[in-house]
Amino acid sequence: MARRRFGVEGAIALIDDLLPAIDVLAVEPTVHVAALARYRGSLPSGTSFVEQVSLELMSREAIETAFVFDADFMTAAIRVIP
């Protein structure tokens, strides 16, 4: 997705500059199952499964703010940056 939105240089900057500064969480089976249930419950809203995984992890980790470009996070009561 980053490459499509920002080009190759943007994807490289993401890998080299941004990712080292953030925590990356593995998706455990319980998170996957819960996200799948969220996804099924959200159909046909158009919210992707990947977004549902993110929202499930954010809920479990009590994360209230996200650096995202997707409006679906705003409708989920997540404070969005930028």
N, C-alpha and C. Protein backbone atom coordinates (compact mmCIF):
# COMPACT_ATOMS: atom_id res chain seq x y z
N MET A 1 0.82 -1.19 0.00
CA MET A 1 0.00 0.00 0.00
C MET A 1 0.87 1.25 0.00
N ALA A 2 1.93 1.27 0.80
CA ALA A 2 2.80 2.45 0.85
C ALA A 2 3.43 2.72 -0.51
N ARG A 3 3.84 1.67 -1.20
CA ARG A 3 4.46 1.87 -2.51
C ARG A 3 3.47 2.47 -3.50
N ARG A 4 2.21 1.98 -3.45
CA ARG A 4 1.21 2.53 -4.36
C ARG A 4 0.92 3.99 -4.06
N ARG A 5 0.87 4.35 -2.78
CA ARG A 5 0.53 5.72 -2.41
C ARG A 5 1.70 6.68 -2.55
N PHE A 6 2.91 6.22 -2.20
CA PHE A 6 4.05 7.14 -2.09
C PHE A 6 5.21 6.82 -3.02
N GLY A 7 5.10 5.75 -3.80
CA GLY A 7 6.17 5.37 -4.70
C GLY A 7 7.26 4.58 -3.98
N VAL A 8 8.25 4.16 -4.75
CA VAL A 8 9.33 3.35 -4.21
C VAL A 8 10.10 4.11 -3.13
N GLU A 9 10.40 5.39 -3.37
CA GLU A 9 11.15 6.17 -2.38
C GLU A 9 10.38 6.27 -1.06
N GLY A 10 9.08 6.43 -1.15
CA GLY A 10 8.26 6.50 0.06
C GLY A 10 8.25 5.18 0.81
N ALA A 11 8.20 4.07 0.09
CA ALA A 11 8.23 2.75 0.74
C ALA A 11 9.57 2.52 1.43
N ILE A 12 10.64 2.92 0.78
CA ILE A 12 11.97 2.77 1.38
C ILE A 12 12.10 3.65 2.62
N ALA A 13 11.59 4.87 2.55
CA ALA A 13 11.63 5.75 3.73
C ALA A 13 10.82 5.15 4.88
N LEU A 14 9.70 4.54 4.57
CA LEU A 14 8.89 3.87 5.60
C LEU A 14 9.70 2.76 6.27
N ILE A 15 10.33 1.92 5.46
CA ILE A 15 11.11 0.80 5.99
C ILE A 15 12.31 1.29 6.79
N ASP A 16 13.03 2.26 6.27
CA ASP A 16 14.29 2.69 6.89
C ASP A 16 14.11 3.70 8.01
N ASP A 17 13.13 4.59 7.89
CA ASP A 17 13.02 5.70 8.83
C ASP A 17 11.89 5.55 9.85
N LEU A 18 10.76 5.03 9.44
CA LEU A 18 9.60 4.98 10.33
C LEU A 18 9.51 3.67 11.10
N LEU A 19 9.61 2.55 10.42
CA LEU A 19 9.43 1.26 11.10
C LEU A 19 10.36 1.03 12.28
N PRO A 20 11.63 1.44 12.23
CA PRO A 20 12.48 1.24 13.40
C PRO A 20 12.01 2.00 14.64
N ALA A 21 11.20 3.02 14.45
CA ALA A 21 10.75 3.85 15.58
C ALA A 21 9.43 3.38 16.20
N ILE A 22 8.82 2.34 15.65
CA ILE A 22 7.53 1.89 16.16
C ILE A 22 7.60 0.43 16.60
N ASP A 23 6.64 0.05 17.43
CA ASP A 23 6.51 -1.35 17.84
C ASP A 23 5.63 -2.08 16.84
N VAL A 24 6.08 -3.21 16.39
CA VAL A 24 5.31 -4.04 15.49
C VAL A 24 4.82 -5.25 16.28
N LEU A 25 3.51 -5.46 16.30
CA LEU A 25 2.93 -6.56 17.06
C LEU A 25 2.57 -7.71 16.13
N ALA A 26 2.88 -8.91 16.56
CA ALA A 26 2.48 -10.09 15.81
C ALA A 26 0.99 -10.35 16.01
N VAL A 27 0.36 -10.89 15.00
CA VAL A 27 -1.06 -11.22 15.11
C VAL A 27 -1.18 -12.65 15.62
N GLU A 28 -1.61 -12.75 16.87
CA GLU A 28 -1.80 -14.06 17.49
C GLU A 28 -3.12 -14.67 17.03
N PRO A 29 -3.26 -15.97 17.16
CA PRO A 29 -4.51 -16.61 16.72
C PRO A 29 -5.77 -16.02 17.35
N THR A 30 -5.73 -15.65 18.61
CA THR A 30 -6.93 -15.09 19.25
C THR A 30 -7.29 -13.73 18.65
N VAL A 31 -6.28 -12.96 18.29
CA VAL A 31 -6.53 -11.67 17.63
C VAL A 31 -7.11 -11.91 16.24
N HIS A 32 -6.57 -12.88 15.53
CA HIS A 32 -7.06 -13.20 14.19
C HIS A 32 -8.53 -13.60 14.24
N VAL A 33 -8.89 -14.46 15.18
CA VAL A 33 -10.28 -14.92 15.31
C VAL A 33 -11.20 -13.74 15.65
N ALA A 34 -10.78 -12.90 16.58
CA ALA A 34 -11.61 -11.74 16.96
C ALA A 34 -11.75 -10.76 15.79
N ALA A 35 -10.66 -10.54 15.06
CA ALA A 35 -10.71 -9.64 13.91
C ALA A 35 -11.61 -10.20 12.81
N LEU A 36 -11.57 -11.50 12.64
CA LEU A 36 -12.44 -12.13 11.64
C LEU A 36 -13.91 -11.94 12.02
N ALA A 37 -14.22 -12.07 13.30
CA ALA A 37 -15.60 -11.83 13.76
C ALA A 37 -15.98 -10.36 13.54
N ARG A 38 -15.05 -9.44 13.82
CA ARG A 38 -15.32 -8.02 13.59
C ARG A 38 -15.57 -7.76 12.11
N TYR A 39 -14.74 -8.38 11.28
CA TYR A 39 -14.88 -8.21 9.83
C TYR A 39 -16.24 -8.71 9.36
N ARG A 40 -16.59 -9.91 9.79
CA ARG A 40 -17.89 -10.48 9.41
C ARG A 40 -19.03 -9.57 9.86
N GLY A 41 -18.92 -9.05 11.08
CA GLY A 41 -19.95 -8.17 11.61
C GLY A 41 -20.03 -6.82 10.92
N SER A 42 -18.93 -6.42 10.28
CA SER A 42 -18.91 -5.11 9.63
C SER A 42 -19.36 -5.16 8.17
N LEU A 43 -19.51 -6.36 7.63
CA LEU A 43 -19.92 -6.48 6.23
C LEU A 43 -21.33 -5.93 6.05
N PRO A 44 -21.67 -5.26 5.03
CA PRO A 44 -20.89 -4.93 3.85
C PRO A 44 -20.28 -3.52 3.89
N SER A 45 -19.81 -3.08 5.03
CA SER A 45 -19.32 -1.71 5.19
C SER A 45 -18.12 -1.38 4.32
N GLY A 46 -17.36 -2.36 3.94
CA GLY A 46 -16.18 -2.08 3.14
C GLY A 46 -14.91 -1.97 3.96
N THR A 47 -15.02 -2.06 5.30
CA THR A 47 -13.84 -2.04 6.14
C THR A 47 -13.07 -3.33 5.91
N SER A 48 -11.80 -3.22 5.57
CA SER A 48 -11.03 -4.40 5.21
C SER A 48 -10.70 -5.25 6.42
N PHE A 49 -10.33 -6.50 6.15
CA PHE A 49 -9.91 -7.39 7.22
C PHE A 49 -8.66 -6.86 7.90
N VAL A 50 -7.73 -6.32 7.12
CA VAL A 50 -6.51 -5.75 7.69
C VAL A 50 -6.85 -4.62 8.66
N GLU A 51 -7.79 -3.77 8.30
CA GLU A 51 -8.22 -2.70 9.20
C GLU A 51 -8.84 -3.28 10.47
N GLN A 52 -9.61 -4.34 10.33
CA GLN A 52 -10.22 -4.96 11.51
C GLN A 52 -9.16 -5.57 12.43
N VAL A 53 -8.10 -6.13 11.86
CA VAL A 53 -6.99 -6.63 12.68
C VAL A 53 -6.37 -5.47 13.43
N SER A 54 -6.12 -4.38 12.74
CA SER A 54 -5.53 -3.19 13.39
C SER A 54 -6.44 -2.69 14.51
N LEU A 55 -7.72 -2.59 14.25
CA LEU A 55 -8.66 -2.10 15.25
C LEU A 55 -8.73 -3.04 16.46
N GLU A 56 -8.68 -4.34 16.21
CA GLU A 56 -8.70 -5.31 17.31
C GLU A 56 -7.44 -5.18 18.17
N LEU A 57 -6.29 -5.08 17.52
CA LEU A 57 -5.04 -4.90 18.27
C LEU A 57 -5.05 -3.59 19.06
N MET A 58 -5.54 -2.53 18.43
CA MET A 58 -5.61 -1.24 19.11
C MET A 58 -6.52 -1.31 20.32
N SER A 59 -7.62 -2.02 20.19
CA SER A 59 -8.54 -2.18 21.31
C SER A 59 -7.87 -2.94 22.45
N ARG A 60 -7.21 -4.04 22.13
CA ARG A 60 -6.56 -4.85 23.16
C ARG A 60 -5.40 -4.12 23.85
N GLU A 61 -4.71 -3.27 23.09
CA GLU A 61 -3.55 -2.57 23.63
C GLU A 61 -3.91 -1.18 24.17
N ALA A 62 -5.20 -0.83 24.16
CA ALA A 62 -5.70 0.48 24.61
C ALA A 62 -5.03 1.63 23.86
N ILE A 63 -4.85 1.44 22.56
CA ILE A 63 -4.28 2.47 21.70
C ILE A 63 -5.42 3.35 21.20
N GLU A 64 -5.32 4.64 21.44
CA GLU A 64 -6.41 5.56 21.10
C GLU A 64 -6.10 6.47 19.92
N THR A 65 -4.84 6.50 19.48
CA THR A 65 -4.41 7.39 18.41
C THR A 65 -3.68 6.59 17.34
N ALA A 66 -3.95 6.89 16.08
CA ALA A 66 -3.31 6.17 14.99
C ALA A 66 -2.85 7.14 13.91
N PHE A 67 -1.71 6.84 13.33
CA PHE A 67 -1.21 7.58 12.17
C PHE A 67 -1.67 6.81 10.94
N VAL A 68 -2.82 7.18 10.43
CA VAL A 68 -3.43 6.47 9.31
C VAL A 68 -4.05 7.46 8.34
N PHE A 69 -4.33 6.98 7.14
CA PHE A 69 -4.98 7.79 6.13
C PHE A 69 -6.40 7.30 5.83
N ASP A 70 -6.89 6.39 6.62
CA ASP A 70 -8.16 5.74 6.34
C ASP A 70 -9.27 6.28 7.24
N ALA A 71 -10.35 6.71 6.64
CA ALA A 71 -11.47 7.29 7.38
C ALA A 71 -12.17 6.27 8.28
N ASP A 72 -12.02 4.97 8.00
CA ASP A 72 -12.66 3.94 8.83
C ASP A 72 -12.20 4.01 10.27
N PHE A 73 -11.00 4.46 10.51
CA PHE A 73 -10.50 4.57 11.87
C PHE A 73 -11.21 5.70 12.62
N MET A 74 -11.57 6.76 11.92
CA MET A 74 -12.29 7.87 12.56
C MET A 74 -13.67 7.42 13.01
N THR A 75 -14.32 6.58 12.23
CA THR A 75 -15.65 6.11 12.60
C THR A 75 -15.58 5.11 13.74
N ALA A 76 -14.39 4.61 14.04
CA ALA A 76 -14.21 3.66 15.16
C ALA A 76 -13.75 4.37 16.42
N ALA A 77 -13.93 5.68 16.47
CA ALA A 77 -13.59 6.49 17.65
C ALA A 77 -12.10 6.45 17.96
N ILE A 78 -11.28 6.40 16.92
CA ILE A 78 -9.83 6.46 17.04
C ILE A 78 -9.40 7.85 16.65
N ARG A 79 -8.55 8.46 17.48
CA ARG A 79 -7.99 9.76 17.12
C ARG A 79 -6.97 9.54 16.01
N VAL A 80 -7.13 10.25 14.91
CA VAL A 80 -6.32 10.02 13.72
C VAL A 80 -5.34 11.17 13.50
N ILE A 81 -4.09 10.79 13.24
CA ILE A 81 -3.05 11.73 12.84
C ILE A 81 -2.71 11.37 11.41
N PRO A 82 -2.69 12.19 10.44
CA PRO A 82 -2.43 13.62 10.49
C PRO A 82 -3.69 14.39 10.65
